[in-house]
Amino acid sequence: MSNELPIKEYNEKWTVQPMLRPKIGAVKINCALGVSGDPITRAKAIIKDLTGQLPTETIAKQTWRSFGIRKGQPVGVTVTIRGQPAYELLMRLFHAKDYKLKVKSIDRAGNFGFGINEHIDIPGMAYDPNLGIIGFDVLVQLERAGYRVKRRRNQRRKVGGHHQLTKIETQVFLKDNYGIELI
């Protein structure tokens, strides 16, 4: 088995059957801080500056006395981006990772994730001494046309096995659209 991805074969297949072409469903950014108060407000400001959307706070589900976390206390921030802004944001995030992604970070369903150590590595983000530096996780959900059937409110159904994305299709999509080097 060779390491070369069958980009040409998949592009021909997706041209003939455009419903099979993968697309980005959502880009989720999660910054888990483990503390509440001022670090949460600083992380909110940084993520709002990055995405243009106001992030929501994640709440602790349990009390952890050893970490000083109480149930119901905000411990992180998260935001979900969809549509065209998700494509543009993902390009900036890949630039911070030098367009490299580990193959093992792609799951069976074609979704993938990676971490950003410092937000100042992202193009367009400047260091502000009042806010500091944060890192966060990026999770990307890939889907095909027709995946709405599993999210819709009425008559929700499962996506058929032949219509679900595979790991190799995600690799081809990343290599072809973003020029990602898979390591």
N, C-alpha and C. Protein backbone atom coordinates (compact mmCIF):
# COMPACT_ATOMS: atom_id res chain seq x y z
N MET A 1 0.85 -1.19 0.00
CA MET A 1 0.00 0.00 0.00
C MET A 1 0.89 1.24 0.00
N SER A 2 0.64 2.16 -0.89
CA SER A 2 1.47 3.35 -0.99
C SER A 2 0.93 4.46 -0.09
N ASN A 3 1.78 5.43 0.18
CA ASN A 3 1.41 6.57 1.02
C ASN A 3 0.70 7.66 0.23
N GLU A 4 0.63 7.51 -1.08
CA GLU A 4 0.02 8.53 -1.93
C GLU A 4 -1.49 8.46 -1.83
N LEU A 5 -2.12 9.62 -1.63
CA LEU A 5 -3.58 9.68 -1.54
C LEU A 5 -4.20 9.70 -2.93
N PRO A 6 -5.34 9.04 -3.12
CA PRO A 6 -5.99 9.00 -4.44
C PRO A 6 -6.82 10.26 -4.69
N ILE A 7 -6.17 11.41 -4.74
CA ILE A 7 -6.87 12.70 -4.88
C ILE A 7 -7.62 12.77 -6.20
N LYS A 8 -6.98 12.35 -7.28
CA LYS A 8 -7.60 12.44 -8.60
C LYS A 8 -8.87 11.58 -8.68
N GLU A 9 -8.79 10.37 -8.15
CA GLU A 9 -9.95 9.47 -8.20
C GLU A 9 -11.14 10.05 -7.43
N TYR A 10 -10.86 10.59 -6.23
CA TYR A 10 -11.94 11.14 -5.43
C TYR A 10 -12.51 12.42 -6.05
N ASN A 11 -11.65 13.25 -6.65
CA ASN A 11 -12.16 14.46 -7.31
C ASN A 11 -13.05 14.11 -8.49
N GLU A 12 -12.69 13.07 -9.24
CA GLU A 12 -13.55 12.63 -10.34
C GLU A 12 -14.87 12.10 -9.81
N LYS A 13 -14.80 11.32 -8.75
CA LYS A 13 -16.01 10.77 -8.13
C LYS A 13 -16.92 11.89 -7.62
N TRP A 14 -16.32 12.91 -6.99
CA TRP A 14 -17.10 14.01 -6.43
C TRP A 14 -17.65 14.93 -7.53
N THR A 15 -16.99 14.96 -8.69
CA THR A 15 -17.51 15.74 -9.81
C THR A 15 -18.74 15.06 -10.40
N VAL A 16 -18.69 13.75 -10.53
CA VAL A 16 -19.83 13.00 -11.06
C VAL A 16 -20.98 12.99 -10.06
N GLN A 17 -20.67 12.82 -8.78
CA GLN A 17 -21.69 12.78 -7.72
C GLN A 17 -21.40 13.88 -6.69
N PRO A 18 -21.86 15.12 -6.94
CA PRO A 18 -21.53 16.24 -6.06
C PRO A 18 -22.10 16.13 -4.65
N MET A 19 -23.10 15.30 -4.43
CA MET A 19 -23.64 15.12 -3.09
C MET A 19 -22.64 14.41 -2.17
N LEU A 20 -21.64 13.76 -2.73
CA LEU A 20 -20.65 13.05 -1.94
C LEU A 20 -19.47 13.94 -1.53
N ARG A 21 -19.39 15.15 -2.09
CA ARG A 21 -18.26 16.04 -1.78
C ARG A 21 -18.35 16.49 -0.32
N PRO A 22 -17.26 16.32 0.46
CA PRO A 22 -17.28 16.76 1.85
C PRO A 22 -17.32 18.28 1.96
N LYS A 23 -17.86 18.76 3.06
CA LYS A 23 -17.86 20.19 3.37
C LYS A 23 -17.74 20.35 4.87
N ILE A 24 -17.38 21.54 5.29
CA ILE A 24 -17.22 21.80 6.72
C ILE A 24 -18.59 22.10 7.31
N GLY A 25 -18.97 21.30 8.29
CA GLY A 25 -20.24 21.52 8.98
C GLY A 25 -20.10 22.53 10.08
N ALA A 26 -19.05 22.40 10.89
CA ALA A 26 -18.85 23.31 12.01
C ALA A 26 -17.40 23.28 12.45
N VAL A 27 -16.92 24.42 12.91
CA VAL A 27 -15.61 24.53 13.56
C VAL A 27 -15.88 24.97 14.99
N LYS A 28 -15.47 24.15 15.95
CA LYS A 28 -15.72 24.44 17.35
C LYS A 28 -14.39 24.74 18.03
N ILE A 29 -14.35 25.86 18.73
CA ILE A 29 -13.17 26.26 19.47
C ILE A 29 -13.50 26.16 20.95
N ASN A 30 -12.67 25.44 21.68
CA ASN A 30 -12.89 25.21 23.09
C ASN A 30 -11.65 25.60 23.87
N CYS A 31 -11.83 26.47 24.84
CA CYS A 31 -10.73 26.90 25.71
C CYS A 31 -11.11 26.55 27.14
N ALA A 32 -10.55 25.47 27.66
CA ALA A 32 -10.83 25.02 29.02
C ALA A 32 -9.77 25.59 29.95
N LEU A 33 -10.18 26.49 30.85
CA LEU A 33 -9.24 27.15 31.73
C LEU A 33 -9.18 26.52 33.12
N GLY A 34 -10.29 25.99 33.60
CA GLY A 34 -10.31 25.36 34.91
C GLY A 34 -10.49 26.32 36.05
N VAL A 35 -10.58 27.61 35.77
CA VAL A 35 -10.80 28.63 36.80
C VAL A 35 -11.84 29.61 36.28
N SER A 36 -12.46 30.32 37.19
CA SER A 36 -13.44 31.33 36.77
C SER A 36 -12.89 32.72 37.08
N GLY A 37 -13.66 33.71 36.72
CA GLY A 37 -13.27 35.08 37.02
C GLY A 37 -12.59 35.76 35.85
N ASP A 38 -11.50 36.46 36.16
CA ASP A 38 -10.81 37.27 35.16
C ASP A 38 -10.25 36.46 33.98
N PRO A 39 -9.68 35.25 34.19
CA PRO A 39 -9.19 34.50 33.02
C PRO A 39 -10.29 34.17 32.02
N ILE A 40 -11.51 33.97 32.50
CA ILE A 40 -12.63 33.68 31.60
C ILE A 40 -12.94 34.90 30.73
N THR A 41 -12.97 36.08 31.33
CA THR A 41 -13.28 37.29 30.56
C THR A 41 -12.18 37.59 29.55
N ARG A 42 -10.92 37.33 29.92
CA ARG A 42 -9.82 37.54 28.97
C ARG A 42 -9.90 36.55 27.81
N ALA A 43 -10.21 35.29 28.10
CA ALA A 43 -10.34 34.28 27.04
C ALA A 43 -11.52 34.62 26.13
N LYS A 44 -12.61 35.11 26.70
CA LYS A 44 -13.75 35.52 25.89
C LYS A 44 -13.37 36.63 24.91
N ALA A 45 -12.60 37.60 25.39
CA ALA A 45 -12.19 38.71 24.54
C ALA A 45 -11.29 38.23 23.40
N ILE A 46 -10.37 37.32 23.70
CA ILE A 46 -9.45 36.81 22.68
C ILE A 46 -10.21 36.01 21.62
N ILE A 47 -11.11 35.13 22.06
CA ILE A 47 -11.85 34.30 21.11
C ILE A 47 -12.84 35.12 20.30
N LYS A 48 -13.42 36.15 20.92
CA LYS A 48 -14.31 37.04 20.17
C LYS A 48 -13.53 37.79 19.10
N ASP A 49 -12.32 38.22 19.43
CA ASP A 49 -11.48 38.90 18.46
C ASP A 49 -11.09 37.96 17.31
N LEU A 50 -10.86 36.69 17.62
CA LEU A 50 -10.46 35.71 16.62
C LEU A 50 -11.61 35.35 15.69
N THR A 51 -12.80 35.09 16.25
CA THR A 51 -13.91 34.55 15.46
C THR A 51 -14.94 35.59 15.05
N GLY A 52 -15.05 36.68 15.77
CA GLY A 52 -16.10 37.66 15.50
C GLY A 52 -17.43 37.28 16.13
N GLN A 53 -17.46 36.21 16.90
CA GLN A 53 -18.67 35.78 17.59
C GLN A 53 -18.43 35.77 19.09
N LEU A 54 -19.47 36.03 19.85
CA LEU A 54 -19.37 36.02 21.30
C LEU A 54 -19.41 34.58 21.80
N PRO A 55 -18.36 34.12 22.48
CA PRO A 55 -18.35 32.74 22.96
C PRO A 55 -19.23 32.57 24.19
N THR A 56 -19.62 31.33 24.45
CA THR A 56 -20.40 31.01 25.63
C THR A 56 -19.49 30.37 26.68
N GLU A 57 -19.90 30.49 27.92
CA GLU A 57 -19.12 29.91 29.01
C GLU A 57 -19.51 28.44 29.18
N THR A 58 -18.51 27.61 29.49
CA THR A 58 -18.80 26.23 29.85
C THR A 58 -18.83 26.15 31.36
N ILE A 59 -19.76 25.39 31.87
CA ILE A 59 -20.02 25.34 33.31
C ILE A 59 -19.54 24.00 33.86
N ALA A 60 -18.96 24.02 35.07
CA ALA A 60 -18.50 22.80 35.73
C ALA A 60 -19.70 21.95 36.13
N LYS A 61 -19.65 20.67 35.83
CA LYS A 61 -20.74 19.76 36.16
C LYS A 61 -20.58 19.15 37.54
N GLN A 62 -19.37 19.16 38.04
CA GLN A 62 -19.09 18.56 39.35
C GLN A 62 -18.22 19.50 40.17
N THR A 63 -18.22 19.27 41.46
CA THR A 63 -17.32 19.99 42.36
C THR A 63 -16.03 19.18 42.50
N TRP A 64 -14.91 19.83 42.29
CA TRP A 64 -13.59 19.22 42.47
C TRP A 64 -12.83 20.07 43.48
N ARG A 65 -12.85 19.67 44.70
CA ARG A 65 -12.23 20.46 45.77
C ARG A 65 -10.72 20.60 45.58
N SER A 66 -10.07 19.56 45.10
CA SER A 66 -8.62 19.61 44.94
C SER A 66 -8.20 20.67 43.91
N PHE A 67 -9.06 20.97 42.94
CA PHE A 67 -8.77 22.00 41.94
C PHE A 67 -9.43 23.33 42.26
N GLY A 68 -10.26 23.37 43.30
CA GLY A 68 -10.94 24.61 43.65
C GLY A 68 -12.08 24.95 42.71
N ILE A 69 -12.70 23.92 42.13
CA ILE A 69 -13.79 24.13 41.18
C ILE A 69 -15.10 23.70 41.84
N ARG A 70 -16.10 24.58 41.77
CA ARG A 70 -17.42 24.27 42.32
C ARG A 70 -18.40 24.00 41.20
N LYS A 71 -19.39 23.18 41.49
CA LYS A 71 -20.43 22.86 40.50
C LYS A 71 -21.18 24.14 40.14
N GLY A 72 -21.40 24.35 38.82
CA GLY A 72 -22.10 25.53 38.34
C GLY A 72 -21.20 26.73 38.08
N GLN A 73 -19.94 26.59 38.35
CA GLN A 73 -18.97 27.67 38.15
C GLN A 73 -18.45 27.64 36.70
N PRO A 74 -18.32 28.80 36.02
CA PRO A 74 -17.76 28.78 34.67
C PRO A 74 -16.27 28.42 34.70
N VAL A 75 -15.87 27.47 33.82
CA VAL A 75 -14.49 27.00 33.82
C VAL A 75 -13.84 27.08 32.44
N GLY A 76 -14.56 27.57 31.44
CA GLY A 76 -14.00 27.67 30.10
C GLY A 76 -14.96 28.40 29.18
N VAL A 77 -14.52 28.56 27.92
CA VAL A 77 -15.35 29.21 26.92
C VAL A 77 -15.32 28.38 25.63
N THR A 78 -16.40 28.48 24.88
CA THR A 78 -16.49 27.74 23.63
C THR A 78 -17.30 28.54 22.62
N VAL A 79 -17.03 28.32 21.34
CA VAL A 79 -17.76 28.97 20.26
C VAL A 79 -17.81 28.02 19.07
N THR A 80 -18.92 28.07 18.32
CA THR A 80 -19.10 27.25 17.12
C THR A 80 -19.28 28.17 15.93
N ILE A 81 -18.53 27.93 14.87
CA ILE A 81 -18.60 28.73 13.65
C ILE A 81 -19.03 27.82 12.52
N ARG A 82 -20.00 28.30 11.73
CA ARG A 82 -20.49 27.53 10.59
C ARG A 82 -20.46 28.38 9.33
N GLY A 83 -20.60 27.74 8.18
CA GLY A 83 -20.69 28.45 6.92
C GLY A 83 -19.35 28.94 6.41
N GLN A 84 -19.39 30.01 5.61
CA GLN A 84 -18.19 30.56 4.99
C GLN A 84 -17.16 31.06 6.01
N PRO A 85 -17.57 31.70 7.14
CA PRO A 85 -16.57 32.09 8.13
C PRO A 85 -15.76 30.92 8.68
N ALA A 86 -16.35 29.73 8.69
CA ALA A 86 -15.64 28.55 9.18
C ALA A 86 -14.48 28.19 8.25
N TYR A 87 -14.69 28.29 6.93
CA TYR A 87 -13.62 28.00 5.96
C TYR A 87 -12.47 28.99 6.13
N GLU A 88 -12.80 30.27 6.28
CA GLU A 88 -11.76 31.30 6.42
C GLU A 88 -11.00 31.16 7.73
N LEU A 89 -11.72 30.88 8.82
CA LEU A 89 -11.06 30.70 10.11
C LEU A 89 -10.16 29.49 10.09
N LEU A 90 -10.61 28.43 9.47
CA LEU A 90 -9.81 27.21 9.42
C LEU A 90 -8.51 27.42 8.66
N MET A 91 -8.54 28.24 7.62
CA MET A 91 -7.32 28.55 6.88
C MET A 91 -6.31 29.27 7.79
N ARG A 92 -6.80 30.21 8.59
CA ARG A 92 -5.91 30.92 9.52
C ARG A 92 -5.36 29.98 10.59
N LEU A 93 -6.19 29.07 11.08
CA LEU A 93 -5.75 28.14 12.11
C LEU A 93 -4.74 27.15 11.57
N PHE A 94 -4.93 26.68 10.33
CA PHE A 94 -3.94 25.79 9.72
C PHE A 94 -2.62 26.51 9.50
N HIS A 95 -2.66 27.81 9.22
CA HIS A 95 -1.42 28.57 9.06
C HIS A 95 -0.63 28.57 10.37
N ALA A 96 -1.33 28.65 11.50
CA ALA A 96 -0.66 28.61 12.80
C ALA A 96 -0.02 27.25 13.06
N LYS A 97 -0.57 26.20 12.46
CA LYS A 97 -0.01 24.84 12.60
C LYS A 97 0.94 24.49 11.47
N ASP A 98 1.33 25.47 10.65
CA ASP A 98 2.24 25.26 9.51
C ASP A 98 1.69 24.24 8.52
N TYR A 99 0.38 24.18 8.38
CA TYR A 99 -0.29 23.31 7.42
C TYR A 99 0.11 21.85 7.60
N LYS A 100 0.25 21.43 8.86
CA LYS A 100 0.57 20.04 9.18
C LYS A 100 -0.48 19.51 10.15
N LEU A 101 -0.85 18.26 9.96
CA LEU A 101 -1.85 17.63 10.81
C LEU A 101 -1.49 16.16 10.95
N LYS A 102 -1.63 15.64 12.14
CA LYS A 102 -1.35 14.22 12.37
C LYS A 102 -2.52 13.39 11.85
N VAL A 103 -2.19 12.28 11.20
CA VAL A 103 -3.23 11.41 10.66
C VAL A 103 -4.08 10.83 11.79
N LYS A 104 -3.47 10.58 12.94
CA LYS A 104 -4.23 9.98 14.04
C LYS A 104 -5.22 10.96 14.68
N SER A 105 -5.19 12.23 14.29
CA SER A 105 -6.16 13.19 14.82
C SER A 105 -7.47 13.18 14.04
N ILE A 106 -7.55 12.33 13.01
CA ILE A 106 -8.78 12.18 12.22
C ILE A 106 -9.49 10.93 12.70
N ASP A 107 -10.78 11.05 13.03
CA ASP A 107 -11.51 9.88 13.53
C ASP A 107 -12.17 9.11 12.39
N ARG A 108 -12.87 8.03 12.73
CA ARG A 108 -13.51 7.17 11.73
C ARG A 108 -14.58 7.88 10.93
N ALA A 109 -15.26 8.85 11.55
CA ALA A 109 -16.36 9.56 10.90
C ALA A 109 -15.87 10.73 10.06
N GLY A 110 -14.56 10.94 9.98
CA GLY A 110 -14.04 12.01 9.15
C GLY A 110 -13.86 13.33 9.87
N ASN A 111 -14.15 13.41 11.15
CA ASN A 111 -13.94 14.64 11.91
C ASN A 111 -12.50 14.67 12.40
N PHE A 112 -11.99 15.85 12.69
CA PHE A 112 -10.62 15.94 13.18
C PHE A 112 -10.49 17.10 14.15
N GLY A 113 -9.41 17.08 14.89
CA GLY A 113 -9.15 18.14 15.85
C GLY A 113 -7.66 18.35 16.04
N PHE A 114 -7.32 19.52 16.53
CA PHE A 114 -5.93 19.85 16.82
C PHE A 114 -5.91 20.97 17.84
N GLY A 115 -4.76 21.22 18.39
CA GLY A 115 -4.62 22.25 19.41
C GLY A 115 -3.74 23.40 18.94
N ILE A 116 -4.05 24.58 19.44
CA ILE A 116 -3.23 25.77 19.20
C ILE A 116 -2.62 26.14 20.54
N ASN A 117 -1.30 26.15 20.62
CA ASN A 117 -0.63 26.42 21.90
C ASN A 117 -0.73 27.88 22.32
N GLU A 118 -0.52 28.79 21.38
CA GLU A 118 -0.57 30.22 21.67
C GLU A 118 -1.37 30.91 20.58
N HIS A 119 -2.33 31.71 20.98
CA HIS A 119 -3.19 32.36 19.98
C HIS A 119 -2.45 33.40 19.15
N ILE A 120 -1.29 33.85 19.61
CA ILE A 120 -0.55 34.85 18.85
C ILE A 120 0.14 34.26 17.62
N ASP A 121 0.12 32.91 17.49
CA ASP A 121 0.66 32.27 16.29
C ASP A 121 -0.27 32.42 15.10
N ILE A 122 -1.53 32.77 15.34
CA ILE A 122 -2.53 32.89 14.28
C ILE A 122 -2.34 34.23 13.58
N PRO A 123 -2.33 34.26 12.24
CA PRO A 123 -2.18 35.53 11.53
C PRO A 123 -3.31 36.49 11.87
N GLY A 124 -2.95 37.73 12.12
CA GLY A 124 -3.94 38.75 12.45
C GLY A 124 -4.19 38.92 13.93
N MET A 125 -3.61 38.04 14.75
CA MET A 125 -3.79 38.14 16.20
C MET A 125 -2.52 38.74 16.81
N ALA A 126 -2.70 39.82 17.53
CA ALA A 126 -1.56 40.50 18.15
C ALA A 126 -1.57 40.24 19.65
N TYR A 127 -0.40 40.36 20.26
CA TYR A 127 -0.29 40.18 21.70
C TYR A 127 -0.77 41.44 22.40
N ASP A 128 -1.64 41.24 23.38
CA ASP A 128 -2.12 42.33 24.22
C ASP A 128 -1.73 41.99 25.66
N PRO A 129 -0.88 42.81 26.30
CA PRO A 129 -0.43 42.48 27.66
C PRO A 129 -1.57 42.42 28.67
N ASN A 130 -2.67 43.09 28.39
CA ASN A 130 -3.80 43.05 29.32
C ASN A 130 -4.55 41.72 29.24
N LEU A 131 -4.47 41.05 28.09
CA LEU A 131 -5.20 39.80 27.91
C LEU A 131 -4.33 38.57 28.11
N GLY A 132 -3.05 38.66 27.82
CA GLY A 132 -2.17 37.51 27.97
C GLY A 132 -2.21 36.61 26.76
N ILE A 133 -1.80 35.36 26.96
CA ILE A 133 -1.75 34.38 25.89
C ILE A 133 -2.54 33.16 26.32
N ILE A 134 -3.40 32.66 25.43
CA ILE A 134 -4.15 31.44 25.73
C ILE A 134 -3.95 30.44 24.59
N GLY A 135 -4.21 29.20 24.90
CA GLY A 135 -4.25 28.13 23.92
C GLY A 135 -5.64 27.53 23.92
N PHE A 136 -5.97 26.82 22.87
CA PHE A 136 -7.31 26.23 22.80
C PHE A 136 -7.31 25.05 21.86
N ASP A 137 -8.40 24.30 21.92
CA ASP A 137 -8.60 23.15 21.04
C ASP A 137 -9.53 23.53 19.90
N VAL A 138 -9.28 22.98 18.74
CA VAL A 138 -10.11 23.21 17.57
C VAL A 138 -10.63 21.85 17.11
N LEU A 139 -11.95 21.74 17.01
CA LEU A 139 -12.59 20.52 16.53
C LEU A 139 -13.36 20.86 15.27
N VAL A 140 -13.16 20.08 14.21
CA VAL A 140 -13.80 20.35 12.93
C VAL A 140 -14.68 19.16 12.58
N GLN A 141 -15.95 19.47 12.29
CA GLN A 141 -16.91 18.45 11.90
C GLN A 141 -17.13 18.54 10.40
N LEU A 142 -16.76 17.49 9.69
CA LEU A 142 -16.99 17.43 8.25
C LEU A 142 -18.28 16.67 7.99
N GLU A 143 -18.96 17.06 6.93
CA GLU A 143 -20.21 16.40 6.57
C GLU A 143 -20.39 16.47 5.07
N ARG A 144 -21.42 15.80 4.60
CA ARG A 144 -21.80 15.86 3.20
C ARG A 144 -23.17 16.49 3.11
N ALA A 145 -23.57 16.84 1.89
CA ALA A 145 -24.94 17.30 1.67
C ALA A 145 -25.86 16.16 2.07
N GLY A 146 -26.92 16.47 2.78
CA GLY A 146 -27.84 15.44 3.24
C GLY A 146 -27.68 15.08 4.70
N TYR A 147 -26.66 15.59 5.37
CA TYR A 147 -26.46 15.29 6.79
C TYR A 147 -27.49 16.00 7.66
N ARG A 148 -28.29 16.88 7.06
CA ARG A 148 -29.30 17.58 7.82
C ARG A 148 -30.33 16.61 8.42
N VAL A 149 -30.49 15.44 7.82
CA VAL A 149 -31.49 14.48 8.31
C VAL A 149 -31.20 14.03 9.73
N LYS A 150 -29.96 14.09 10.17
CA LYS A 150 -29.67 13.69 11.54
C LYS A 150 -29.77 14.85 12.53
N ARG A 151 -29.94 16.10 12.04
CA ARG A 151 -30.06 17.26 12.92
C ARG A 151 -31.44 17.88 12.95
N ARG A 152 -32.24 17.61 11.93
CA ARG A 152 -33.53 18.29 11.82
C ARG A 152 -34.44 17.94 12.99
N ARG A 153 -35.42 18.78 13.20
CA ARG A 153 -36.31 18.61 14.34
C ARG A 153 -37.36 17.52 14.10
N ASN A 154 -37.98 17.54 12.94
CA ASN A 154 -39.01 16.56 12.60
C ASN A 154 -38.42 15.41 11.80
N GLN A 155 -38.86 14.22 12.09
CA GLN A 155 -38.46 13.01 11.38
C GLN A 155 -36.95 12.84 11.29
N ARG A 156 -36.28 12.98 12.41
CA ARG A 156 -34.83 12.80 12.48
C ARG A 156 -34.47 11.36 12.17
N ARG A 157 -33.45 11.15 11.35
CA ARG A 157 -33.02 9.81 10.96
C ARG A 157 -31.50 9.72 11.01
N LYS A 158 -31.00 8.49 10.91
CA LYS A 158 -29.57 8.26 10.83
C LYS A 158 -29.11 8.43 9.38
N VAL A 159 -27.85 8.83 9.23
CA VAL A 159 -27.25 8.92 7.90
C VAL A 159 -26.80 7.51 7.53
N GLY A 160 -27.12 7.09 6.32
CA GLY A 160 -26.78 5.75 5.87
C GLY A 160 -25.28 5.51 5.84
N GLY A 161 -24.90 4.26 5.97
CA GLY A 161 -23.49 3.90 6.02
C GLY A 161 -22.71 4.26 4.77
N HIS A 162 -23.36 4.17 3.60
CA HIS A 162 -22.66 4.49 2.35
C HIS A 162 -22.49 5.99 2.16
N HIS A 163 -23.24 6.79 2.91
CA HIS A 163 -23.17 8.24 2.76
C HIS A 163 -22.28 8.89 3.81
N GLN A 164 -21.78 8.13 4.77
CA GLN A 164 -20.92 8.70 5.80
C GLN A 164 -19.50 8.88 5.29
N LEU A 165 -18.84 9.88 5.84
CA LEU A 165 -17.46 10.16 5.45
C LEU A 165 -16.51 9.12 6.04
N THR A 166 -15.41 8.91 5.36
CA THR A 166 -14.38 8.01 5.86
C THR A 166 -13.12 8.82 6.15
N LYS A 167 -12.19 8.17 6.80
CA LYS A 167 -10.93 8.82 7.16
C LYS A 167 -10.14 9.22 5.91
N ILE A 168 -10.13 8.36 4.92
CA ILE A 168 -9.36 8.65 3.70
C ILE A 168 -9.97 9.81 2.93
N GLU A 169 -11.30 9.93 2.93
CA GLU A 169 -11.95 11.05 2.24
C GLU A 169 -11.63 12.37 2.93
N THR A 170 -11.53 12.35 4.25
CA THR A 170 -11.14 13.55 4.97
C THR A 170 -9.70 13.93 4.63
N GLN A 171 -8.83 12.95 4.54
CA GLN A 171 -7.44 13.23 4.19
C GLN A 171 -7.35 13.83 2.79
N VAL A 172 -8.10 13.30 1.85
CA VAL A 172 -8.10 13.84 0.48
C VAL A 172 -8.65 15.26 0.48
N PHE A 173 -9.74 15.51 1.22
CA PHE A 173 -10.34 16.84 1.31
C PHE A 173 -9.34 17.86 1.87
N LEU A 174 -8.62 17.51 2.93
CA LEU A 174 -7.66 18.42 3.54
C LEU A 174 -6.47 18.68 2.62
N LYS A 175 -5.98 17.64 1.99
CA LYS A 175 -4.82 17.79 1.10
C LYS A 175 -5.18 18.63 -0.13
N ASP A 176 -6.37 18.40 -0.68
CA ASP A 176 -6.78 19.07 -1.91
C ASP A 176 -7.20 20.52 -1.66
N ASN A 177 -7.97 20.78 -0.61
CA ASN A 177 -8.52 22.13 -0.38
C ASN A 177 -7.60 23.03 0.43
N TYR A 178 -6.83 22.49 1.34
CA TYR A 178 -6.01 23.32 2.22
C TYR A 178 -4.51 23.07 2.07
N GLY A 179 -4.12 22.08 1.32
CA GLY A 179 -2.71 21.79 1.15
C GLY A 179 -2.06 21.27 2.42
N ILE A 180 -2.78 20.52 3.20
CA ILE A 180 -2.29 20.02 4.48
C ILE A 180 -1.32 18.86 4.26
N GLU A 181 -0.23 18.89 5.00
CA GLU A 181 0.72 17.79 5.00
C GLU A 181 0.33 16.87 6.16
N LEU A 182 0.01 15.64 5.86
CA LEU A 182 -0.40 14.68 6.88
C LEU A 182 0.83 13.92 7.37
N ILE A 183 1.05 13.96 8.68
CA ILE A 183 2.20 13.29 9.27
C ILE A 183 1.76 12.21 10.24
